[in-house]
Amino acid sequence: MWFVKRLLYVICLVIVQPAVALTSIHLLNYQDSYGNISLKDSGDIRLPDPLIVNGNLNLENSRIGILPLSLTVKGNLNLAYSDIEHLPLALNVKGYINLAYSNIKELNFGLRVLGDLSVAHTQLTKLPDNLYVKGNLFLQNSKILTLPNKLVVDGNIYIGNIPLTTIPNDIIISGSLYR
């Protein structure tokens, strides 16, 4: 009987693991000489708050559920296939933001993306008002039915297979709208 209890205890420890908190020193192991941090395919970890990344931050296919409250990325932010549900309010990204196939539930009001923004294949139902995208906006196969008010896109919008019903009058698209 004690053997069964011990075995169940060990199995519980292996299956239910709390998030491991990383410090800035720990992140040096994942950083290259250009300042890029790659935590691709990582488990449930907690990033330091605030976090400043001098290059790109790659969290693709990670099980990280919560980003730091203050996140500055001087390059690109890749959250494709990740478990991220919300972006931090104090988010500053100089490059693109890739949220394709992620578990994102909503974007911040007035989000400014200085590169491309991809929300392709996500469960997002709406984009925030006052969204600014300096590059292209990718919406393919998402659940978005309408574009937000005061949307500004300096590049193109790729809508793919979404049933876009209305386009507001106050949006500005410098490029083209592609289906």
Foldseek 3Di string as FASTA:
>chain_A
DVVVVVVVVVVCCVPDDDAAEDEPVNQVVQADPQQEGACDCHEAHAYDPPDATNEEYHHALYAHADHHLAYHHAYEYEQDNYAHAEDHPNYHYQEEYEHHNYAHAAYDALDEHNYEYEPANYAYAAHHANYEHAYEYEQANYNHQEHHAAYEYAYEYENHPYNHDDYDPNYHYNYYYHD
